[in-house]
Each structure stands twice: as structure tokens, then as C-alpha cells.
Protein backbone atom coordinates (compact mmCIF):
# COMPACT_ATOMS: atom_id res chain seq x y z
CA MET A 1 46.36 66.55 116.17
CA GLU A 2 45.99 62.77 115.96
CA GLU A 3 48.66 60.09 116.32
CA ASN A 4 47.98 58.35 112.99
CA TYR A 5 49.46 60.68 110.44
CA LEU A 6 51.20 60.47 107.08
CA MET A 7 54.61 62.20 107.11
CA ILE A 8 55.60 64.48 104.25
CA MET A 9 59.16 65.81 104.43
CA SER A 10 59.61 69.54 104.96
CA ILE A 11 60.34 71.80 102.01
CA ALA A 12 59.48 75.06 103.73
CA PRO A 13 62.14 77.50 104.97
CA ARG A 14 63.07 77.04 108.61
CA PRO A 15 62.65 80.20 110.68
CA ALA A 16 65.95 81.43 112.03
CA GLY A 17 66.49 81.26 115.78
CA THR A 18 68.02 79.37 118.67
CA LYS A 19 69.28 75.93 117.72
CA LEU A 20 68.11 72.83 119.55
CA ALA A 21 71.44 70.96 119.38
CA GLY A 22 71.89 68.78 122.44
CA CYS A 23 68.36 69.40 123.72
CA THR A 24 66.19 66.43 124.62
CA VAL A 25 62.68 66.47 123.17
CA PHE A 26 60.15 63.94 124.50
CA ILE A 27 57.31 63.48 121.95
CA THR A 28 54.26 61.27 122.37
CA GLY A 29 52.82 59.76 119.19
CA ALA A 30 56.03 60.48 117.28
CA SER A 31 56.11 57.37 115.11
CA ARG A 32 54.30 59.20 112.29
CA GLY A 33 52.50 62.38 111.27
CA ILE A 34 52.83 65.69 113.06
CA GLY A 35 54.71 64.15 115.99
CA LYS A 36 57.35 62.74 113.68
CA ALA A 37 57.48 65.96 111.67
CA ILE A 38 58.30 67.92 114.84
CA ALA A 39 60.89 65.29 115.74
CA LEU A 40 62.64 65.56 112.37
CA LYS A 41 62.60 69.35 112.54
CA ALA A 42 64.40 69.27 115.88
CA ALA A 43 66.70 66.46 114.71
CA LYS A 44 68.09 68.71 111.97
CA ASP A 45 69.54 70.83 114.76
CA GLY A 46 71.10 67.77 116.39
CA ALA A 47 68.47 67.32 119.12
CA ASN A 48 67.91 64.13 121.12
CA ILE A 49 64.44 62.75 120.40
CA VAL A 50 62.51 60.39 122.66
CA ILE A 51 59.92 58.66 120.45
CA ALA A 52 57.17 57.72 122.91
CA ALA A 53 54.54 55.88 120.85
CA LYS A 54 52.63 52.59 120.70
CA THR A 55 53.64 51.33 117.27
CA ALA A 56 56.48 48.85 117.66
CA GLN A 57 55.35 46.61 114.80
CA ALA A 58 54.25 47.75 111.35
CA HIS A 59 50.53 48.47 111.01
CA PRO A 60 48.84 47.02 107.89
CA LYS A 61 47.28 50.38 106.96
CA LEU A 62 49.57 52.96 108.60
CA ALA A 63 53.21 53.47 107.71
CA GLY A 64 55.86 53.87 110.37
CA THR A 65 56.97 52.46 113.73
CA ILE A 66 59.02 53.90 116.58
CA TYR A 67 62.04 52.15 115.06
CA THR A 68 61.62 53.44 111.50
CA ALA A 69 61.07 56.92 112.97
CA ALA A 70 64.30 56.53 114.94
CA GLU A 71 66.23 55.73 111.75
CA GLU A 72 64.83 58.84 110.06
CA ILE A 73 65.72 60.99 113.05
CA LYS A 74 69.30 59.71 113.03
CA ALA A 75 69.53 60.29 109.27
CA ALA A 76 68.33 63.88 109.82
CA GLY A 77 71.17 64.54 112.28
CA GLY A 78 69.62 63.81 115.66
CA LYS A 79 69.86 61.10 118.28
CA ALA A 80 66.88 58.84 118.93
CA LEU A 81 65.49 56.77 121.77
CA PRO A 82 62.46 54.72 120.68
CA CYS A 83 60.21 53.77 123.60
CA VAL A 84 57.01 51.73 123.47
CA VAL A 85 54.55 53.98 125.28
CA ASP A 86 50.78 53.79 125.53
CA VAL A 87 50.00 57.06 127.34
CA ARG A 88 47.09 55.32 129.08
CA ASP A 89 49.69 53.31 131.04
CA GLU A 90 51.36 55.41 133.75
CA GLN A 91 54.12 52.84 134.24
CA GLN A 92 55.08 52.93 130.54
CA ILE A 93 55.26 56.73 130.70
CA SER A 94 57.45 56.66 133.83
CA SER A 95 59.73 54.01 132.32
CA ALA A 96 60.26 56.04 129.14
CA VAL A 97 61.00 59.20 131.13
CA GLU A 98 63.57 57.32 133.25
CA LYS A 99 65.23 55.90 130.13
CA ALA A 100 65.35 59.36 128.54
CA VAL A 101 67.00 60.90 131.60
CA GLU A 102 69.46 58.00 131.89
CA LYS A 103 70.45 58.22 128.21
CA PHE A 104 70.40 61.98 127.61
CA GLY A 105 70.76 63.46 131.11
CA GLY A 106 67.39 65.22 131.30
CA ILE A 107 64.36 66.50 129.37
CA ASP A 108 64.11 69.99 127.88
CA ILE A 109 60.91 69.88 125.81
CA LEU A 110 57.74 67.79 126.04
CA VAL A 111 55.32 67.56 123.10
CA ASN A 112 51.95 66.02 123.97
CA ASN A 113 50.88 64.94 120.51
CA ALA A 114 49.30 61.49 121.01
CA SER A 115 45.56 61.71 120.55
CA ALA A 116 42.46 59.71 119.62
CA ILE A 117 39.48 60.90 117.61
CA SER A 118 35.89 59.81 116.99
CA LEU A 119 33.67 62.39 115.31
CA THR A 120 30.44 60.86 116.53
CA ASN A 121 27.51 62.34 118.42
CA THR A 122 26.51 61.42 121.96
CA LEU A 123 24.23 58.46 121.16
CA GLU A 124 26.57 57.06 118.51
CA THR A 125 29.77 57.15 120.62
CA PRO A 126 30.35 53.82 122.40
CA THR A 127 31.61 54.04 125.98
CA LYS A 128 34.79 52.30 124.84
CA LYS A 129 35.49 55.21 122.44
CA VAL A 130 34.67 57.79 125.13
CA ASP A 131 37.16 56.13 127.49
CA LEU A 132 39.78 55.89 124.75
CA MET A 133 39.63 59.61 123.95
CA MET A 134 39.51 60.73 127.58
CA ASN A 135 42.36 58.43 128.60
CA ILE A 136 44.67 59.25 125.70
CA ASN A 137 43.93 62.91 125.11
CA THR A 138 43.26 64.38 128.55
CA ARG A 139 44.59 61.83 131.05
CA GLY A 140 47.59 60.86 128.90
CA THR A 141 48.61 64.50 128.47
CA TYR A 142 48.24 65.14 132.19
CA LEU A 143 50.23 62.07 133.28
CA THR A 144 53.03 62.57 130.73
CA SER A 145 53.37 66.20 131.77
CA LYS A 146 53.42 65.22 135.44
CA ALA A 147 56.21 62.69 134.82
CA CYS A 148 58.35 65.14 132.83
CA ILE A 149 57.87 68.30 134.92
CA PRO A 150 60.52 67.49 137.61
CA TYR A 151 63.14 67.27 134.86
CA LEU A 152 61.78 70.18 132.81
CA LYS A 153 62.18 72.38 135.89
CA LYS A 154 65.95 71.79 135.68
CA SER A 155 66.15 72.83 132.01
CA LYS A 156 67.09 76.28 130.74
CA ILE A 157 64.64 75.83 127.84
CA ALA A 158 61.73 74.05 129.58
CA HIS A 159 58.76 73.88 127.21
CA ILE A 160 55.56 71.84 127.22
CA LEU A 161 53.64 71.99 123.96
CA ASN A 162 50.20 70.38 123.68
CA LEU A 163 48.69 69.79 120.24
CA SER A 164 45.28 71.07 121.26
CA PRO A 165 42.84 73.83 120.28
CA PRO A 166 41.87 77.22 121.71
CA LEU A 167 39.15 76.92 124.35
CA ASN A 168 36.28 78.07 122.15
CA LEU A 169 32.93 77.61 123.93
CA ASN A 170 30.82 78.00 120.81
CA PRO A 171 28.19 75.21 121.21
CA LEU A 172 28.75 74.37 117.54
CA TRP A 173 32.00 72.59 118.42
CA PHE A 174 30.29 70.44 121.08
CA LYS A 175 27.10 69.63 119.18
CA GLN A 176 28.34 67.06 116.66
CA HIS A 177 31.13 65.36 118.64
CA CYS A 178 30.78 66.20 122.32
CA ALA A 179 33.09 63.47 123.67
CA TYR A 180 35.94 64.34 121.31
CA THR A 181 35.64 68.05 122.11
CA ILE A 182 35.74 67.40 125.86
CA ALA A 183 38.81 65.18 125.45
CA LYS A 184 40.71 67.72 123.32
CA TYR A 185 39.70 70.63 125.53
CA GLY A 186 41.05 68.64 128.47
CA MET A 187 44.47 68.94 126.84
CA SER A 188 43.93 72.69 126.46
CA MET A 189 42.86 73.01 130.09
CA CYS A 190 46.18 71.40 131.06
CA VAL A 191 47.81 74.37 129.30
CA LEU A 192 45.55 76.79 131.15
CA GLY A 193 46.38 75.34 134.57
CA MET A 194 50.01 74.31 134.20
CA ALA A 195 51.07 77.58 132.55
CA GLU A 196 49.91 79.40 135.66
CA GLU A 197 51.18 76.78 138.11
CA PHE A 198 54.72 76.68 136.65
CA LYS A 199 55.01 80.29 135.52
CA GLY A 200 58.66 81.33 135.39
CA GLU A 201 59.84 77.71 135.42
CA ILE A 202 58.25 76.07 132.36
CA ALA A 203 56.62 77.55 129.26
CA VAL A 204 53.34 75.72 128.63
CA ASN A 205 51.52 76.40 125.36
CA ALA A 206 49.10 74.87 122.87
CA LEU A 207 49.46 74.66 119.09
CA TRP A 208 46.62 74.08 116.61
CA PRO A 209 46.39 74.29 112.82
CA LYS A 210 44.31 76.89 111.01
CA THR A 211 43.53 74.41 108.25
CA ALA A 212 43.18 70.66 107.99
CA ILE A 213 46.54 68.86 107.91
CA TYR A 214 47.02 65.97 105.49
CA THR A 215 47.65 62.77 107.42
CA ALA A 216 46.66 59.14 107.38
CA ALA A 217 44.00 59.98 109.96
CA MET A 218 42.60 62.65 107.63
CA ASP A 219 42.55 60.07 104.83
CA MET A 220 40.43 57.80 107.00
CA LEU A 221 38.12 60.60 108.15
CA GLY A 222 37.70 62.41 104.85
CA GLY A 223 38.37 59.74 102.27
CA SER A 224 40.31 59.82 99.04
CA GLY A 225 40.72 63.26 97.51
CA ILE A 226 40.64 65.17 100.82
CA GLU A 227 44.37 65.94 100.51
CA SER A 228 43.82 68.78 98.04
CA GLN A 229 42.04 70.73 100.81
CA CYS A 230 44.85 70.23 103.33
CA ARG A 231 48.29 71.53 104.24
CA LYS A 232 51.33 69.35 104.89
CA VAL A 233 52.55 68.47 108.38
CA ASP A 234 55.54 70.76 107.74
CA ILE A 235 53.59 73.84 108.82
CA MET A 236 52.99 72.42 112.30
CA ALA A 237 56.64 71.39 112.65
CA ASP A 238 57.83 74.87 111.68
CA ALA A 239 55.34 76.51 114.04
CA ALA A 240 56.44 74.23 116.92
CA TYR A 241 60.07 75.15 116.21
CA CYS A 242 59.16 78.84 116.51
CA ILE A 243 57.60 78.19 119.92
CA PHE A 244 60.59 76.23 121.21
CA LYS A 245 62.91 79.18 120.64
CA LYS A 246 60.71 81.47 122.74
CA PRO A 247 61.70 82.25 126.36
CA LYS A 248 59.99 80.65 129.36
CA SER A 249 57.97 83.85 129.79
CA PHE A 250 56.10 82.94 126.58
CA THR A 251 53.50 80.79 128.27
CA GLY A 252 49.78 80.11 128.45
CA ASN A 253 49.20 80.83 124.77
CA PHE A 254 46.84 79.08 122.35
CA ILE A 255 48.78 79.44 119.11
CA ILE A 256 47.54 78.96 115.56
CA ASP A 257 50.25 77.68 113.21
CA GLU A 258 49.76 80.24 110.43
CA ASN A 259 49.66 83.17 112.85
CA ILE A 260 53.00 82.49 114.54
CA LEU A 261 54.70 81.86 111.20
CA LYS A 262 53.41 85.19 109.89
CA GLU A 263 54.97 86.82 112.95
CA GLU A 264 58.24 85.13 111.96
CA GLY A 265 58.06 86.75 108.54
CA ILE A 266 56.76 83.78 106.51
CA LYS A 267 54.64 85.13 103.65
CA ASN A 268 54.44 82.30 101.13
CA PHE A 269 52.13 79.63 102.53
CA ASP A 270 51.74 77.85 99.19
CA VAL A 271 54.81 75.78 100.09
CA TYR A 272 52.77 74.17 102.84
CA ALA A 273 49.76 73.31 100.64
CA VAL A 274 49.39 69.80 99.27
CA THR A 275 47.76 71.39 96.22
CA PRO A 276 48.88 75.04 95.98
CA GLY A 277 46.04 77.38 95.09
CA HIS A 278 43.27 74.96 96.08
CA PRO A 279 40.76 76.17 98.72
CA LEU A 280 41.67 74.86 102.17
CA LEU A 281 39.44 73.21 104.74
CA PRO A 282 39.38 75.10 108.08
CA ASP A 283 40.20 72.95 111.09
CA PHE A 284 37.88 72.27 114.01
CA PHE A 285 37.29 74.70 116.89
CA LEU A 286 38.04 77.85 114.86
CA ASP A 287 35.12 80.12 113.99
CA GLU A 288 36.14 80.74 110.38
CA GLN A 289 32.54 81.15 109.26
CA PRO A 290 30.56 81.50 112.51
CA VAL A 291 26.86 80.79 112.56
CA THR A 292 25.89 81.52 116.20
CA VAL A 293 29.31 82.83 117.02
CA THR A 294 31.41 83.01 120.15
CA LYS A 295 34.80 84.59 120.59
CA GLU A 296 37.86 82.41 121.17
CA PRO A 297 40.52 83.42 123.72
CA ALA A 298 43.91 84.62 122.53
CA THR A 299 45.75 83.67 125.73
CA HIS A 300 45.21 81.62 128.84
CA GLY A 301 43.79 84.55 130.80
CA ALA A 302 40.85 85.12 128.50
CA LEU A 303 37.49 83.44 128.84
CA PRO A 304 35.26 82.96 125.79
CA GLU A 305 32.39 85.39 125.68
CA LEU A 306 29.16 83.79 124.53
CA LYS A 307 27.14 86.13 122.38
CA GLU A 308 23.92 85.32 120.67
CA LYS A 309 23.77 87.09 117.34
CA GLU A 310 20.59 88.94 116.53
CA ALA A 311 18.08 86.65 114.93
CA GLN A 312 18.46 86.67 111.17
CA PRO A 313 15.39 86.58 108.95
CA PRO A 314 14.80 83.18 107.36
CA PRO A 315 16.14 82.78 103.82
CA LYS A 316 13.74 83.70 101.08
CA PRO A 317 11.95 80.55 99.88
CA ARG A 318 13.22 79.09 96.62
CA SER A 319 10.05 77.81 95.00
CA GLY A 320 10.86 74.65 93.06
CA ALA A 321 14.61 75.20 93.31
CA VAL A 322 15.33 71.75 94.76
CA GLU A 323 13.24 70.00 92.13
CA GLY A 324 14.97 72.05 89.44
CA THR A 325 18.39 71.17 90.84
CA PHE A 326 17.61 67.45 90.86
CA ARG A 327 16.32 67.69 87.29
CA ILE A 328 19.67 69.13 86.16
CA VAL A 329 21.54 66.52 88.22
CA LYS A 330 19.56 63.74 86.56
CA ASP A 331 20.36 65.11 83.09
CA SER A 332 24.04 65.11 84.04
CA LEU A 333 24.20 61.48 85.12
CA SER A 334 25.97 58.80 83.12
CA ASP A 335 27.09 55.19 83.48
CA ASP A 336 30.65 56.43 84.03
CA ILE A 337 29.58 58.63 86.97
CA VAL A 338 27.61 55.76 88.48
CA LYS A 339 30.53 53.35 88.04
CA ALA A 340 32.96 55.81 89.63
CA THR A 341 30.70 56.63 92.60
CA GLN A 342 28.74 53.51 93.57
CA ALA A 343 26.71 55.11 96.35
CA ILE A 344 23.15 56.04 97.27
CA TYR A 345 22.58 59.44 98.86
CA GLN A 346 19.53 60.51 100.82
CA PHE A 347 18.79 64.18 101.52
CA GLU A 348 16.61 65.36 104.40
CA LEU A 349 15.80 68.96 103.47
CA SER A 350 14.01 71.52 105.61
CA GLY A 351 12.12 74.47 104.15
CA GLU A 352 10.30 75.23 100.92
CA ASP A 353 10.43 72.38 98.38
CA GLY A 354 12.07 70.22 101.04
CA GLY A 355 11.33 66.78 102.43
CA THR A 356 13.18 63.55 101.62
CA TRP A 357 15.01 63.21 98.29
CA PHE A 358 17.51 60.68 96.95
CA LEU A 359 20.34 60.39 94.45
CA ASP A 360 20.98 56.79 93.39
CA LEU A 361 24.44 56.35 91.89
CA LYS A 362 24.45 52.55 92.08
CA SER A 363 21.69 51.63 89.63
CA LYS A 364 22.49 51.60 85.92
CA GLY A 365 22.44 55.14 84.56
CA GLY A 366 21.66 56.58 87.99
CA ASN A 367 18.40 57.97 89.29
CA VAL A 368 17.01 60.83 91.41
CA GLY A 369 13.66 61.47 92.99
CA HIS A 370 11.45 62.58 95.84
CA GLY A 371 11.09 60.21 98.79
CA GLU A 372 13.35 57.49 100.12
CA PRO A 373 15.53 55.37 97.79
CA SER A 374 14.50 51.78 97.07
CA ASP A 375 17.74 50.50 98.65
CA ARG A 376 19.29 51.69 101.91
CA ALA A 377 21.25 54.94 101.57
CA ASP A 378 25.02 54.89 102.12
CA VAL A 379 25.02 58.55 103.15
CA VAL A 380 22.23 60.66 104.67
CA MET A 381 22.66 64.45 104.50
CA SER A 382 20.45 66.89 106.43
CA MET A 383 20.36 70.61 105.61
CA SER A 384 18.10 73.46 104.53
CA THR A 385 16.82 73.62 100.97
CA ASP A 386 18.61 76.94 100.54
CA ASP A 387 21.98 75.43 101.50
CA PHE A 388 21.31 72.38 99.31
CA VAL A 389 20.88 74.55 96.21
CA LYS A 390 23.93 76.64 97.15
CA MET A 391 26.04 73.48 97.51
CA PHE A 392 25.11 72.03 94.15
CA SER A 393 25.61 75.38 92.43
CA GLY A 394 29.10 75.82 93.94
CA LYS A 395 28.20 78.76 96.22
CA LEU A 396 28.69 76.74 99.42
CA LYS A 397 31.38 74.07 99.89
CA PRO A 398 30.01 70.92 101.56
CA THR A 399 33.08 70.72 103.81
CA ILE A 400 32.49 74.27 105.06
CA ALA A 401 28.79 73.55 105.55
CA PHE A 402 29.68 70.43 107.56
CA MET A 403 32.33 72.15 109.69
CA SER A 404 29.97 75.04 110.50
CA GLY A 405 27.09 72.74 111.45
CA ARG A 406 24.85 73.66 108.53
CA LEU A 407 25.20 70.17 107.06
CA LYS A 408 24.80 66.95 109.06
CA ILE A 409 26.18 63.74 107.58
CA LYS A 410 25.44 60.18 108.64
CA GLY A 411 27.08 57.20 106.98
CA ASN A 412 30.19 56.75 104.87
CA MET A 413 32.29 59.95 104.92
CA ALA A 414 34.47 58.78 102.03
CA LEU A 415 31.36 58.51 99.84
CA ALA A 416 30.25 61.95 101.03
CA ILE A 417 33.58 63.31 99.71
CA LYS A 418 32.90 61.61 96.38
CA LEU A 419 29.64 63.52 96.11
CA GLU A 420 31.51 66.79 96.61
CA LYS A 421 33.69 65.95 93.62
CA LEU A 422 30.55 65.24 91.59
CA MET A 423 29.10 68.60 92.63
CA ASN A 424 32.23 70.34 91.38
CA GLN A 425 31.74 68.74 87.96
CA MET A 426 28.12 69.95 87.82
CA ASN A 427 28.68 73.52 89.03
CA ALA A 428 28.82 74.99 85.53
CA ARG A 429 25.37 73.63 84.66
CA LEU A 430 23.82 74.56 88.01
């Protein structure tokens, strides 16, 4: 997952197993979020943690630096070596590795966690963002692994863990954010190749969450209120700990956090939820609700099998359903809703009763109608009329529709999340 994360301290039970006391764990992007959560988990065993991250000075919007992380690691029972490392800079990587070996005598575990994200389509992704993601995610993972491997070969534990997804070739996961997918899959392909290349010497695996994880990055991507659909970073830290205690022969696996914890006997996953009992948002690259589905590989030896599902008949037209939905929405509007939302939404609907519609939650009292809004829309949503009615009636969650490609969103994602909250309030009437 991404480098910019909000840390929430672990309350979940730690799976029993081999302790990491005295082991040296080199973690990129460990100043906050999942990277820091993994660091603190290992620190409780008395591990040595190399914090290889960029943040040396406090960020105005993101809590945590390599030095504040080091203090937390020491307080948790570990030893810490904070190193300023931008994984795009090979010299900074090499310098941090040399310092780690000089201070702790070697490296036992490498966690490639540092990552960059831009969920933008091909035409809307600037070259600068493409380069950033490729250089941090794929190239940074490759170079950091290369620098650590000579020392990992000397370790009895010897693990590389990349925070990257299963290699799922469903076109759905390339369609909306091709550059990001390529960059993340580059990390996964490092697992594929290095697991085979260093078989018997170093265990190389990937870890990915089944659900969205609540972090500062998720706050920025999803906006306020997204946390209720997420799990805490603890689940990834606990899953990583389970992997570290595995033998070197456990290699080449694309592991989902919930699955490995179930194998360890964990049954109560409510402890990981930010809001226990609330529906959770599936993470990217997992076919939770496949549309044109492909199979994802379980291990490094498997290749995804592309299968076109038989063509499904088009949904039965809903004559006047969209107009009826907007009529109910209009009756539900109030000055309070407008004041709390302050956004204009435009809907591009395909199918019966479709076309362009708008929901104006900026003007006094609010307004809805057919056609484009009088002022520029803050959010433009494209979907079928059938899915539109299902969303407003509570039968289809907008987040699920978006993740599965049935809903396209342009504009302010935080305001899109606000609309989902409004939909939840209207479900009873719709």
C-alpha cells in the first residue's frame, strides 16, 4: 500500500510464532501507515528496524517523520535506525543499507512498502506522475531488493515482502488507472522473478489487503467518512508477522491479509474494523464482484486465465424510473442538506430514461433536473440507468460500483463520498 498512511496502534491478538528479537528489518516508507505498523509489530519482539523513508521534516498535512517513528519503535521495545531514503535515488538506498549493516551486522527482512498512487486514466495522468509511480513502485522495489539481497543471503530468516497485489489480468483493473496498475504489478513481478531466482536462499512474497485500509492516503483519495468502510493498519502488520515466521521455502506467494490470518486461527475480524459491523470496501485488484471476470493466481507459478463470461441479456428497461427517483430526491432536499453538501452533481446515464441529469446542492433549497446544470458540476458520474436507480435505492453501493467499473467518476472524490452519505439517508424513501 501507499507511503502516506495514518497509524492506528494494534489492538488485535498477535499470532504466536517465532520471535523477531535481534533481527534487522529494513522497511521503505516506514515513517507512517502500514510501513510503520509493521515496524512497531516487529519492534515488540525486540527487532532492529531500519526506517528508510523520505520524511525527515514534519509534513503540514501528514503526521510522522523518520525520527518520530524511531521514537515509537524504541518505546515499543525495538532498536531504530532512521535513514532519509528516496527509493528513486540508488545512492540513498545503498547508503542506508551500508549504515544498517554497520550498525546491526546485517539484514534479515526487507519490506518494500514505499509506493505512489494516482488513480487517473491514461489521458489524465501527467508524464511526471507516470514517472513517479514507475520509479517509486517498480524501480524503487527492484533497486532496494538488489541492494539488500547480498546481506539477506547470509541470514537464516531471509525474507523479502512486497506490499503489492496478485497479478490479476482482468482488464477492469487496467481500464481506469493503467499507469498505477502497471507500477504496482511491477512490484508483484519482482516477487514472481526473485522468488524463483533466489529459491532456497530468500523467501520472496507479496502481501495485499482484502479490504481498504484506513490511512491518510485513503483520506485524501476517498474523503471524509471513508474510514467507516476500512480496516485498520493492524491487520496488515499482523499478516506480515505471520509471513516472517514462515520458512524460506514459503516463497513466491501472493498473500491476502485476511486469508493468512484465518489460517493462523484468527476468527474475529471486527477488531480490525474502524467501525465494527459496517460494510467494508474491497481493495483494488481483487475480483470481489467480477463483471467480465478473470481468475487471479494463488502462487507465483500460476498465470491468470482470461475468460469471457457468456453475454448477459441487457437489464429490463425501467420506464420512468430515473425521473421518479429524481422526483423523490427533490422532495427530500432541504437547506440543511444543501449547506452540508455544497456540490453540484452531473449524471451521464445510458439506457431507458437516461441522458444527462443534475443534482444541484449549492443553490438555496437544492434543485434537480434533466440536462446540464447551470453552473459547472463538481462531480460527473457515468453509469447505466439501472445502476443509478439501484444506487439511490440502496441496492448497489457506489463504492462497489466504482471499484467494479460500473460507475465512472470525474471530479472531486471527497464530494462523491458526500453524495453516498446522502443516498444512505434517502434509501428508506426510495
